[in-house]
Amino acid sequence: MNVSEFLYNPKRHTLHIKGYCVQTKNGYPDYFIPFKTENEAIAHDGRAVGMCKLCQKKREQKMEETK
């Protein structure tokens, strides 16, 4: 999957994919931490990091399209 950037929200411990949801579609807040890979973002916090539900849904849709 060619994803340019994963964004970690430390306030909610949520992982976003840039441009996949309302919070990241037109930029993102300064407190979001950008990462190049999903694994880097998850390893950063070390806690249970949840994927944004909207981002997860869009990622699944894109994966279905490529099949």
N, C-alpha and C. Protein backbone atom coordinates (compact mmCIF):
# COMPACT_ATOMS: atom_id res chain seq x y z
N MET A 1 0.85 -1.18 0.00
CA MET A 1 0.00 0.00 0.00
C MET A 1 0.89 1.24 0.00
N ASN A 2 0.60 2.17 -0.88
CA ASN A 2 1.37 3.41 -0.93
C ASN A 2 0.68 4.49 -0.12
N VAL A 3 1.08 4.60 1.12
CA VAL A 3 0.54 5.62 2.00
C VAL A 3 1.68 6.55 2.34
N SER A 4 1.45 7.83 2.17
CA SER A 4 2.54 8.77 2.37
C SER A 4 2.83 9.02 3.84
N GLU A 5 1.80 9.00 4.68
CA GLU A 5 2.05 9.40 6.05
C GLU A 5 0.98 8.88 7.01
N PHE A 6 1.45 8.43 8.14
CA PHE A 6 0.57 8.07 9.25
C PHE A 6 0.69 9.16 10.30
N LEU A 7 -0.41 9.51 10.92
CA LEU A 7 -0.43 10.58 11.91
C LEU A 7 -0.95 10.05 13.23
N TYR A 8 -0.18 10.27 14.27
CA TYR A 8 -0.54 9.79 15.59
C TYR A 8 -1.09 10.94 16.43
N ASN A 9 -2.27 10.74 17.00
CA ASN A 9 -2.88 11.73 17.88
C ASN A 9 -2.59 11.31 19.32
N PRO A 10 -1.66 11.98 20.00
CA PRO A 10 -1.29 11.57 21.36
C PRO A 10 -2.36 11.86 22.40
N LYS A 11 -3.29 12.74 22.09
CA LYS A 11 -4.35 13.05 23.05
C LYS A 11 -5.37 11.91 23.13
N ARG A 12 -5.59 11.23 22.03
CA ARG A 12 -6.58 10.15 21.99
C ARG A 12 -5.95 8.78 21.73
N HIS A 13 -4.64 8.76 21.53
CA HIS A 13 -3.92 7.51 21.22
C HIS A 13 -4.52 6.84 19.99
N THR A 14 -4.74 7.67 18.96
CA THR A 14 -5.38 7.21 17.73
C THR A 14 -4.44 7.42 16.55
N LEU A 15 -4.42 6.46 15.66
CA LEU A 15 -3.60 6.53 14.46
C LEU A 15 -4.47 6.88 13.27
N HIS A 16 -4.06 7.88 12.50
CA HIS A 16 -4.77 8.32 11.31
C HIS A 16 -3.89 8.11 10.09
N ILE A 17 -4.51 8.01 8.93
CA ILE A 17 -3.79 7.99 7.67
C ILE A 17 -4.09 9.32 6.98
N LYS A 18 -3.05 10.03 6.65
CA LYS A 18 -3.20 11.39 6.11
C LYS A 18 -4.14 11.41 4.90
N GLY A 19 -5.17 12.25 5.03
CA GLY A 19 -6.13 12.44 3.95
C GLY A 19 -7.30 11.47 3.93
N TYR A 20 -7.33 10.52 4.85
CA TYR A 20 -8.37 9.50 4.84
C TYR A 20 -9.60 9.89 5.66
N CYS A 21 -9.51 10.86 6.55
CA CYS A 21 -10.66 11.23 7.37
C CYS A 21 -10.76 12.75 7.47
N VAL A 22 -11.82 13.21 8.09
CA VAL A 22 -12.09 14.64 8.21
C VAL A 22 -10.97 15.37 8.95
N GLN A 23 -10.40 14.73 9.97
CA GLN A 23 -9.37 15.39 10.77
C GLN A 23 -8.07 15.61 10.01
N THR A 24 -7.82 14.82 8.96
CA THR A 24 -6.55 14.94 8.25
C THR A 24 -6.71 15.31 6.77
N LYS A 25 -7.93 15.49 6.32
CA LYS A 25 -8.18 15.77 4.91
C LYS A 25 -7.55 17.10 4.46
N ASN A 26 -7.72 18.14 5.24
CA ASN A 26 -7.21 19.47 4.88
C ASN A 26 -6.15 19.93 5.87
N GLY A 27 -5.15 19.09 6.09
CA GLY A 27 -4.13 19.41 7.08
C GLY A 27 -4.48 18.75 8.39
N TYR A 28 -3.67 19.00 9.41
CA TYR A 28 -3.90 18.37 10.71
C TYR A 28 -3.33 19.25 11.81
N PRO A 29 -3.80 19.07 13.05
CA PRO A 29 -3.33 19.90 14.16
C PRO A 29 -1.84 19.72 14.43
N ASP A 30 -1.23 20.72 15.03
CA ASP A 30 0.20 20.71 15.32
C ASP A 30 0.61 19.60 16.27
N TYR A 31 -0.29 19.15 17.12
CA TYR A 31 0.07 18.13 18.10
C TYR A 31 0.06 16.72 17.51
N PHE A 32 -0.45 16.54 16.29
CA PHE A 32 -0.37 15.24 15.63
C PHE A 32 1.10 14.98 15.28
N ILE A 33 1.54 13.74 15.45
CA ILE A 33 2.93 13.39 15.18
C ILE A 33 2.97 12.54 13.90
N PRO A 34 3.69 13.02 12.86
CA PRO A 34 3.76 12.28 11.61
C PRO A 34 4.79 11.14 11.65
N PHE A 35 4.46 10.05 10.99
CA PHE A 35 5.35 8.90 10.85
C PHE A 35 5.25 8.38 9.43
N LYS A 36 6.31 7.77 8.93
CA LYS A 36 6.32 7.22 7.57
C LYS A 36 5.66 5.84 7.50
N THR A 37 5.73 5.08 8.61
CA THR A 37 5.13 3.74 8.60
C THR A 37 4.19 3.57 9.78
N GLU A 38 3.28 2.64 9.63
CA GLU A 38 2.33 2.33 10.70
C GLU A 38 3.06 1.76 11.91
N ASN A 39 4.05 0.91 11.68
CA ASN A 39 4.79 0.31 12.79
C ASN A 39 5.55 1.34 13.63
N GLU A 40 6.14 2.33 12.97
CA GLU A 40 6.83 3.40 13.71
C GLU A 40 5.87 4.14 14.62
N ALA A 41 4.68 4.42 14.12
CA ALA A 41 3.69 5.16 14.89
C ALA A 41 3.23 4.34 16.10
N ILE A 42 2.99 3.06 15.90
CA ILE A 42 2.55 2.21 17.00
C ILE A 42 3.66 2.06 18.04
N ALA A 43 4.89 1.91 17.60
CA ALA A 43 6.02 1.75 18.51
C ALA A 43 6.30 3.02 19.31
N HIS A 44 5.93 4.17 18.79
CA HIS A 44 6.20 5.45 19.46
C HIS A 44 5.56 5.52 20.84
N ASP A 45 4.31 5.09 20.95
CA ASP A 45 3.59 5.21 22.22
C ASP A 45 3.80 3.99 23.11
N GLY A 46 3.79 2.82 22.53
CA GLY A 46 3.97 1.61 23.32
C GLY A 46 2.71 1.17 24.04
N ARG A 47 1.63 1.87 23.88
CA ARG A 47 0.35 1.49 24.48
C ARG A 47 -0.57 0.95 23.40
N ALA A 48 -1.79 0.70 23.82
CA ALA A 48 -2.79 0.25 22.85
C ALA A 48 -3.18 1.43 21.97
N VAL A 49 -2.70 1.42 20.75
CA VAL A 49 -3.00 2.48 19.80
C VAL A 49 -4.11 1.98 18.90
N GLY A 50 -5.19 2.76 18.82
CA GLY A 50 -6.31 2.38 17.98
C GLY A 50 -6.30 3.13 16.67
N MET A 51 -6.70 2.47 15.62
CA MET A 51 -6.82 3.12 14.32
C MET A 51 -8.11 3.91 14.29
N CYS A 52 -8.06 5.10 13.71
CA CYS A 52 -9.27 5.90 13.48
C CYS A 52 -10.25 5.04 12.67
N LYS A 53 -11.49 4.98 13.09
CA LYS A 53 -12.47 4.12 12.42
C LYS A 53 -12.73 4.54 10.98
N LEU A 54 -12.73 5.85 10.73
CA LEU A 54 -12.94 6.33 9.36
C LEU A 54 -11.75 5.99 8.47
N CYS A 55 -10.55 6.15 9.01
CA CYS A 55 -9.34 5.81 8.25
C CYS A 55 -9.28 4.32 7.97
N GLN A 56 -9.63 3.51 8.95
CA GLN A 56 -9.62 2.06 8.78
C GLN A 56 -10.61 1.64 7.70
N LYS A 57 -11.79 2.23 7.71
CA LYS A 57 -12.80 1.90 6.71
C LYS A 57 -12.33 2.26 5.31
N LYS A 58 -11.75 3.44 5.16
CA LYS A 58 -11.26 3.88 3.84
C LYS A 58 -10.11 3.01 3.37
N ARG A 59 -9.22 2.61 4.30
CA ARG A 59 -8.10 1.74 3.93
C ARG A 59 -8.61 0.39 3.43
N GLU A 60 -9.62 -0.15 4.12
CA GLU A 60 -10.20 -1.42 3.69
C GLU A 60 -10.85 -1.31 2.32
N GLN A 61 -11.52 -0.17 2.06
CA GLN A 61 -12.13 0.05 0.76
C GLN A 61 -11.07 0.10 -0.33
N LYS A 62 -9.98 0.78 -0.07
CA LYS A 62 -8.90 0.89 -1.07
C LYS A 62 -8.25 -0.47 -1.32
N MET A 63 -8.12 -1.27 -0.27
CA MET A 63 -7.53 -2.60 -0.42
C MET A 63 -8.44 -3.49 -1.27
N GLU A 64 -9.76 -3.35 -1.08
CA GLU A 64 -10.72 -4.13 -1.88
C GLU A 64 -10.65 -3.73 -3.34
N GLU A 65 -10.47 -2.43 -3.60
CA GLU A 65 -10.39 -1.94 -4.98
C GLU A 65 -9.18 -2.50 -5.72
N THR A 66 -8.09 -2.72 -5.00
CA THR A 66 -6.87 -3.17 -5.65
C THR A 66 -6.85 -4.68 -5.89
N LYS A 67 -7.81 -5.40 -5.34
CA LYS A 67 -7.85 -6.86 -5.54
C LYS A 67 -8.29 -7.23 -6.93
